[in-house]
Protein backbone atom coordinates (compact mmCIF):
# COMPACT_ATOMS: atom_id res chain seq x y z
CA UNK A 1 82.00 -9.28 71.65
CA UNK A 2 81.83 -5.56 72.05
CA UNK A 3 83.66 -2.72 73.88
CA UNK A 4 82.89 0.74 75.15
CA UNK A 5 85.07 3.70 75.98
CA UNK A 6 84.48 7.28 77.14
CA UNK A 7 85.54 9.90 74.62
CA UNK A 8 85.85 13.63 75.06
CA UNK A 9 86.32 16.64 72.78
CA UNK A 10 86.09 20.43 73.06
CA UNK A 11 83.31 22.69 71.79
CA UNK A 12 83.56 26.40 72.33
CA UNK A 13 85.74 25.93 75.35
CA UNK A 14 83.52 23.34 77.01
CA UNK A 15 84.49 19.72 77.23
CA UNK A 16 81.89 17.27 75.70
CA UNK A 17 81.65 13.75 76.95
CA UNK A 18 80.29 10.70 75.13
CA UNK A 19 80.49 6.92 75.04
CA UNK A 20 81.80 5.06 72.00
CA UNK A 21 80.47 1.49 71.78
CA UNK A 22 81.69 -0.80 68.98
CA UNK A 23 82.04 -4.42 67.90
CA UNK A 24 85.36 -6.00 68.60
CA UNK A 25 87.68 -6.10 65.54
CA UNK A 26 89.28 -3.57 63.31
CA UNK A 27 86.36 -2.60 61.18
CA UNK A 28 85.48 -0.72 59.04
CA UNK A 29 81.95 -0.75 60.47
CA UNK A 30 79.00 1.52 60.12
CA UNK A 31 78.00 3.73 63.03
CA UNK A 32 75.10 5.60 64.59
CA UNK A 33 75.26 8.85 66.54
CA UNK A 34 72.41 9.06 69.07
CA UNK A 35 70.78 12.36 70.14
CA UNK A 36 68.83 12.45 73.36
CA UNK A 37 65.47 14.07 73.94
CA UNK A 38 64.55 17.33 75.77
CA UNK A 39 65.49 18.77 79.10
CA UNK A 40 68.21 17.21 81.27
CA UNK A 41 68.09 13.87 79.46
CA UNK A 42 71.66 12.50 79.38
CA UNK A 43 73.52 10.36 76.93
CA UNK A 44 71.92 7.17 78.18
CA UNK A 45 68.48 8.72 77.91
CA UNK A 46 68.04 8.83 81.66
CA UNK A 47 67.09 11.95 83.59
CA UNK A 48 67.30 13.32 87.14
CA UNK A 49 63.57 13.96 86.75
CA UNK A 50 62.81 10.28 86.39
CA UNK A 51 63.83 7.28 88.56
CA UNK A 52 66.16 4.62 87.36
CA UNK A 53 69.34 4.34 85.36
CA UNK A 54 68.46 1.65 82.88
CA UNK A 55 68.51 3.98 79.88
CA UNK A 56 67.37 3.07 76.43
CA UNK A 57 70.33 4.56 74.61
CA UNK A 58 72.80 2.43 76.48
CA UNK A 59 70.77 -0.68 75.74
CA UNK A 60 70.44 0.39 72.12
CA UNK A 61 74.16 0.99 71.84
CA UNK A 62 74.87 -2.54 73.14
CA UNK A 63 72.37 -4.08 70.73
CA UNK A 64 73.86 -2.14 67.78
CA UNK A 65 77.36 -3.35 68.64
CA UNK A 66 76.16 -6.91 68.86
CA UNK A 67 74.81 -6.44 65.33
CA UNK A 68 78.15 -5.05 64.06
CA UNK A 69 77.35 -1.39 64.23
CA UNK A 70 79.30 1.17 66.31
CA UNK A 71 77.65 4.15 68.07
CA UNK A 72 78.35 7.33 69.91
CA UNK A 73 75.96 8.72 72.47
CA UNK A 74 76.81 12.04 74.18
CA UNK A 75 75.76 14.44 76.95
CA UNK A 76 74.47 17.74 75.69
CA UNK A 77 76.39 20.51 77.45
CA UNK A 78 73.31 21.30 79.57
CA UNK A 79 72.74 17.66 80.64
CA UNK A 80 74.64 14.91 82.36
CA UNK A 81 76.83 15.10 85.43
CA UNK A 82 78.55 18.38 84.31
CA UNK A 83 75.42 20.35 83.54
CA UNK A 84 75.62 22.47 86.66
CA UNK A 85 79.01 23.84 85.84
CA UNK A 86 78.22 24.26 82.15
CA UNK A 87 74.81 25.93 82.23
CA UNK A 88 76.08 29.30 83.65
CA UNK A 89 78.40 29.52 80.69
CA UNK A 90 75.55 28.84 78.21
CA UNK A 91 73.02 31.35 79.47
CA UNK A 92 71.72 33.30 76.48
CA UNK A 93 73.70 31.06 74.07
CA UNK A 94 71.37 28.02 73.98
CA UNK A 95 69.58 27.78 70.66
CA UNK A 96 68.65 25.36 67.90
CA UNK A 97 72.03 26.31 66.33
CA UNK A 98 74.00 25.50 69.51
CA UNK A 99 72.36 22.08 69.66
CA UNK A 100 73.25 21.51 66.02
CA UNK A 101 76.84 22.53 66.83
CA UNK A 102 76.91 19.88 69.55
CA UNK A 103 75.71 17.25 67.12
CA UNK A 104 78.26 18.38 64.46
CA UNK A 105 81.09 18.07 66.98
CA UNK A 106 79.80 14.63 68.09
CA UNK A 107 79.68 13.32 64.50
CA UNK A 108 83.24 14.61 64.01
CA UNK A 109 84.36 12.70 67.09
CA UNK A 110 82.56 9.53 65.93
CA UNK A 111 84.03 9.70 62.42
CA UNK A 112 87.52 9.97 63.88
CA UNK A 113 87.19 6.77 65.97
CA UNK A 114 89.30 3.79 64.87
CA UNK A 115 87.33 1.32 62.72
CA UNK A 116 84.40 3.64 61.88
CA UNK A 117 83.43 4.10 58.29
CA UNK A 118 82.61 7.80 58.10
CA UNK A 119 80.67 7.32 54.91
CA UNK A 120 78.19 5.08 56.81
CA UNK A 121 77.07 7.15 59.70
CA UNK A 122 73.33 7.39 60.56
CA UNK A 123 71.77 9.99 62.88
CA UNK A 124 69.32 8.55 65.43
CA UNK A 125 67.29 11.06 67.37
CA UNK A 126 64.71 10.54 70.12
CA UNK A 127 61.87 13.01 70.59
CA UNK A 128 63.40 16.56 70.50
CA UNK A 129 66.64 14.90 69.30
CA UNK A 130 64.83 14.08 65.99
CA UNK A 131 64.71 17.79 65.29
CA UNK A 132 68.44 18.13 65.65
CA UNK A 133 69.30 15.19 63.33
CA UNK A 134 66.81 16.69 60.78
CA UNK A 135 68.59 19.99 60.91
CA UNK A 136 71.96 18.21 60.47
CA UNK A 137 70.62 16.28 57.50
CA UNK A 138 69.25 19.34 55.70
CA UNK A 139 72.36 21.50 56.03
CA UNK A 140 75.79 21.17 54.43
CA UNK A 141 78.06 19.13 56.66
CA UNK A 142 81.58 17.82 56.27
CA UNK A 143 80.36 14.32 57.29
CA UNK A 144 76.90 13.84 55.74
CA UNK A 145 74.53 11.28 57.24
CA UNK A 146 73.85 8.12 55.31
CA UNK A 147 70.41 7.94 56.77
CA UNK A 148 68.18 8.98 59.73
CA UNK A 149 66.23 7.13 62.42
CA UNK A 150 63.58 9.32 64.00
CA UNK A 151 62.38 7.70 67.16
CA UNK A 152 59.16 9.37 68.53
CA UNK A 153 59.43 12.47 66.39
CA UNK A 154 56.78 15.20 66.94
CA UNK A 155 54.63 15.72 63.93
CA UNK A 156 53.29 19.03 65.16
CA UNK A 157 54.88 22.07 66.71
CA UNK A 158 56.37 21.39 70.14
CA UNK A 159 53.84 23.84 71.55
CA UNK A 160 50.95 21.80 70.15
CA UNK A 161 52.41 18.56 71.45
CA UNK A 162 52.86 20.10 74.98
CA UNK A 163 49.23 21.35 74.98
CA UNK A 164 48.00 17.87 74.15
CA UNK A 165 50.00 16.29 76.98
CA UNK A 166 48.78 18.87 79.51
CA UNK A 167 45.12 18.54 78.45
CA UNK A 168 45.41 14.80 78.95
CA UNK A 169 46.94 15.16 82.38
CA UNK A 170 44.41 17.74 83.48
CA UNK A 171 41.61 15.42 82.30
CA UNK A 172 42.76 12.97 84.99
CA UNK A 173 42.44 15.54 87.81
CA UNK A 174 39.06 16.44 89.46
CA UNK A 175 38.07 19.74 87.99
CA UNK A 176 41.04 19.69 85.65
CA UNK A 177 38.89 20.27 82.47
CA UNK A 178 37.97 23.72 83.87
CA UNK A 179 41.70 24.66 83.95
CA UNK A 180 42.42 23.76 80.27
CA UNK A 181 41.37 27.21 78.97
CA UNK A 182 43.89 28.80 81.37
CA UNK A 183 46.67 26.66 79.88
CA UNK A 184 45.61 27.47 76.36
CA UNK A 185 45.53 31.18 77.19
CA UNK A 186 49.10 31.05 78.53
CA UNK A 187 50.26 29.14 75.45
CA UNK A 188 48.58 31.67 73.15
CA UNK A 189 50.36 34.54 74.91
CA UNK A 190 53.72 32.69 74.49
CA UNK A 191 53.03 31.95 70.81
CA UNK A 192 52.37 35.68 70.34
CA UNK A 193 55.79 36.54 71.73
CA UNK A 194 54.52 37.57 75.11
CA UNK A 195 55.23 36.28 78.58
CA UNK A 196 53.55 32.91 79.42
CA UNK A 197 52.20 34.38 82.62
CA UNK A 198 50.33 31.23 83.74
CA UNK A 199 47.30 31.83 85.95
CA UNK A 200 47.79 31.26 89.67
CA UNK A 201 44.79 28.94 89.67
CA UNK A 202 46.82 26.34 87.78
CA UNK A 203 48.62 23.63 89.90
CA UNK A 204 52.18 24.60 90.76
CA UNK A 205 53.82 21.67 88.81
CA UNK A 206 51.95 22.70 85.69
CA UNK A 207 52.95 26.41 86.13
CA UNK A 208 56.50 25.26 86.52
CA UNK A 209 56.37 23.35 83.20
CA UNK A 210 55.02 26.40 81.39
CA UNK A 211 57.40 28.82 82.96
CA UNK A 212 60.41 26.64 82.09
CA UNK A 213 60.03 27.98 78.50
CA UNK A 214 60.94 31.40 79.84
CA UNK A 215 63.87 30.49 82.07
CA UNK A 216 66.86 32.69 80.98
CA UNK A 217 69.11 29.59 80.74
CA UNK A 218 66.76 28.05 78.17
CA UNK A 219 66.55 31.16 75.93
CA UNK A 220 66.48 31.73 72.99
CA UNK A 221 66.27 27.98 72.44
CA UNK A 222 62.90 27.52 74.18
CA UNK A 223 61.16 30.04 71.97
CA UNK A 224 62.65 28.49 68.84
CA UNK A 225 61.69 25.07 70.02
CA UNK A 226 58.08 26.03 70.77
CA UNK A 227 57.32 26.67 67.13
CA UNK A 228 59.59 23.90 65.70
CA UNK A 229 57.74 21.37 63.47
CA UNK A 230 59.44 18.32 61.95
CA UNK A 231 56.91 18.27 59.09
CA UNK A 232 58.57 21.49 57.77
CA UNK A 233 62.05 19.84 57.63
CA UNK A 234 61.37 16.24 56.70
CA UNK A 235 60.56 16.95 53.00
CA UNK A 236 64.03 18.44 52.54
CA UNK A 237 65.85 15.23 53.58
CA UNK A 238 67.59 13.46 50.79
CA UNK A 239 68.75 10.33 52.54
CA UNK A 240 66.71 7.25 53.69
CA UNK A 241 64.61 7.88 56.82
CA UNK A 242 63.00 5.47 59.30
CA UNK A 243 60.28 6.94 61.45
CA UNK A 244 59.38 4.91 64.56
CA UNK A 245 56.47 5.89 66.82
CA UNK A 246 55.33 3.35 69.35
CA UNK A 247 51.66 2.78 69.98
CA UNK A 248 52.31 2.95 73.69
CA UNK A 249 53.87 6.41 73.45
CA UNK A 250 51.88 8.91 75.57
CA UNK A 251 54.08 11.92 74.51
CA UNK A 252 54.02 11.55 70.70
CA UNK A 253 50.89 10.11 69.10
CA UNK A 254 50.77 7.65 66.17
CA UNK A 255 47.85 9.58 64.71
CA UNK A 256 48.22 13.23 65.81
CA UNK A 257 51.96 13.13 65.00
CA UNK A 258 52.33 10.16 62.72
CA UNK A 259 49.76 11.19 60.15
CA UNK A 260 51.11 14.74 59.53
CA UNK A 261 54.60 13.21 59.10
CA UNK A 262 53.21 10.67 56.65
CA UNK A 263 51.56 13.50 54.70
CA UNK A 264 54.84 15.50 54.76
CA UNK A 265 56.64 12.45 53.38
CA UNK A 266 54.21 11.81 50.57
CA UNK A 267 56.17 11.12 47.42
CA UNK A 268 59.33 10.26 49.31
CA UNK A 269 59.84 6.56 48.71
CA UNK A 270 62.88 6.34 50.99
CA UNK A 271 60.94 7.34 54.05
CA UNK A 272 59.69 4.28 56.02
CA UNK A 273 57.15 4.35 58.88
CA UNK A 274 56.86 1.83 61.68
CA UNK A 275 54.42 1.82 64.60
CA UNK A 276 55.51 -0.92 67.07
CA UNK A 277 52.52 -2.18 69.05
CA UNK A 278 54.11 -2.13 72.53
CA UNK A 279 56.89 0.51 72.22
CA UNK A 280 56.85 3.63 74.39
CA UNK A 281 58.39 7.05 73.97
CA UNK A 282 61.97 5.73 74.63
CA UNK A 283 61.55 2.45 72.59
CA UNK A 284 61.00 0.37 75.70
CA UNK A 285 58.34 -2.36 75.90
CA UNK A 286 55.30 -1.07 77.76
CA UNK A 287 52.41 -3.43 78.74
CA UNK A 288 50.63 -1.04 81.12
CA UNK A 289 46.97 -0.07 80.64
CA UNK A 290 46.15 3.15 78.86
CA UNK A 291 45.01 4.62 82.11
CA UNK A 292 48.25 3.75 83.83
CA UNK A 293 50.34 5.24 81.01
CA UNK A 294 48.31 8.52 80.94
CA UNK A 295 48.51 8.87 84.75
CA UNK A 296 52.25 8.36 84.88
CA UNK A 297 53.77 8.83 81.42
CA UNK A 298 57.43 8.57 82.46
CA UNK A 299 57.02 5.91 85.15
CA UNK A 300 59.09 2.80 84.49
CA UNK A 301 61.05 4.28 81.56
CA UNK A 302 64.38 3.48 83.22
CA UNK A 303 63.43 0.87 85.88
CA UNK A 304 65.75 -2.12 86.33
CA UNK A 305 64.65 -4.98 84.17
CA UNK A 306 62.90 -2.86 81.55
CA UNK A 307 63.99 -3.78 78.00
CA UNK A 308 63.89 -2.35 74.51
CA UNK A 309 60.74 -3.26 72.73
CA UNK A 310 61.68 -6.29 70.62
CA UNK A 311 59.57 -5.16 67.62
CA UNK A 312 61.03 -1.69 67.64
CA UNK A 313 64.57 -2.98 68.00
CA UNK A 314 64.15 -5.55 65.17
CA UNK A 315 62.70 -2.81 62.96
CA UNK A 316 65.61 -0.52 63.51
CA UNK A 317 68.31 -3.19 63.07
CA UNK A 318 66.70 -4.51 59.92
CA UNK A 319 66.39 -1.04 58.44
CA UNK A 320 69.99 -0.18 59.29
CA UNK A 321 71.27 -3.36 57.64
CA UNK A 322 69.54 -2.31 54.46
CA UNK A 323 70.88 1.23 54.50
CA UNK A 324 74.45 0.92 55.79
């Protein structure tokens, strides 16, 4: 049996919200703090930009509790149901450091929960969330992590990952290949510290994606994130690490991202890599064709009835049992 409860705490005058899920019993039990991916992704790993509310983080929390492991998942201050009221207070203040501050506060809340063994807390990030748990693990913290699970970590700069995604999407559009140089030019301007200034010939949805990196509410975070590369941080980690990249992931690639991460981890025996055959970007089982996935990368992520990929889940649980 398991139980869940909403928990709250304060960070810089803003109330943070999370869900604590744990096995029944007094403990002590190990625990995992889960960090969501980019944009408005909430604590359950669902998003107003994608249909469905069957989020992977909630499913993962339940599976962890069944296995005897507690967890805390939380809404970043700019995500979840209170984002609209919080964002105006965060303009100009969002940064890699502010995201790390959120994680530090979440770990403190998790460590204070009844039954949690604070010496056995693992950080689990998804996508962009991997960068934040890496920053936590490589800085001095009152509650150090006992290990890291990096689910779909980018092995290149975020700018490079985005360019790959946009090239793929344009390749599916008639005449899209002719627009790729316009995207690359906008990215080059941004990388040089200039305005993105996307060409008017680009489709509006694509221009919106590019311009989101210049939205005042996202700065200075977006510019920091653009150049962030997990391969720079991973070699500094001194605790066991599990890297999981699904072969059905259309946002992070097992070769383009997995291989640089493996090179960065060369000589680090406590870094383990897993590439589940049917796992997608959010650790769900995905049996669509490559063409279907490329055409609609986020479709079905949170649909009713979707489930965590069994191989990915078993890999994570087995690794956690060996570490904590």
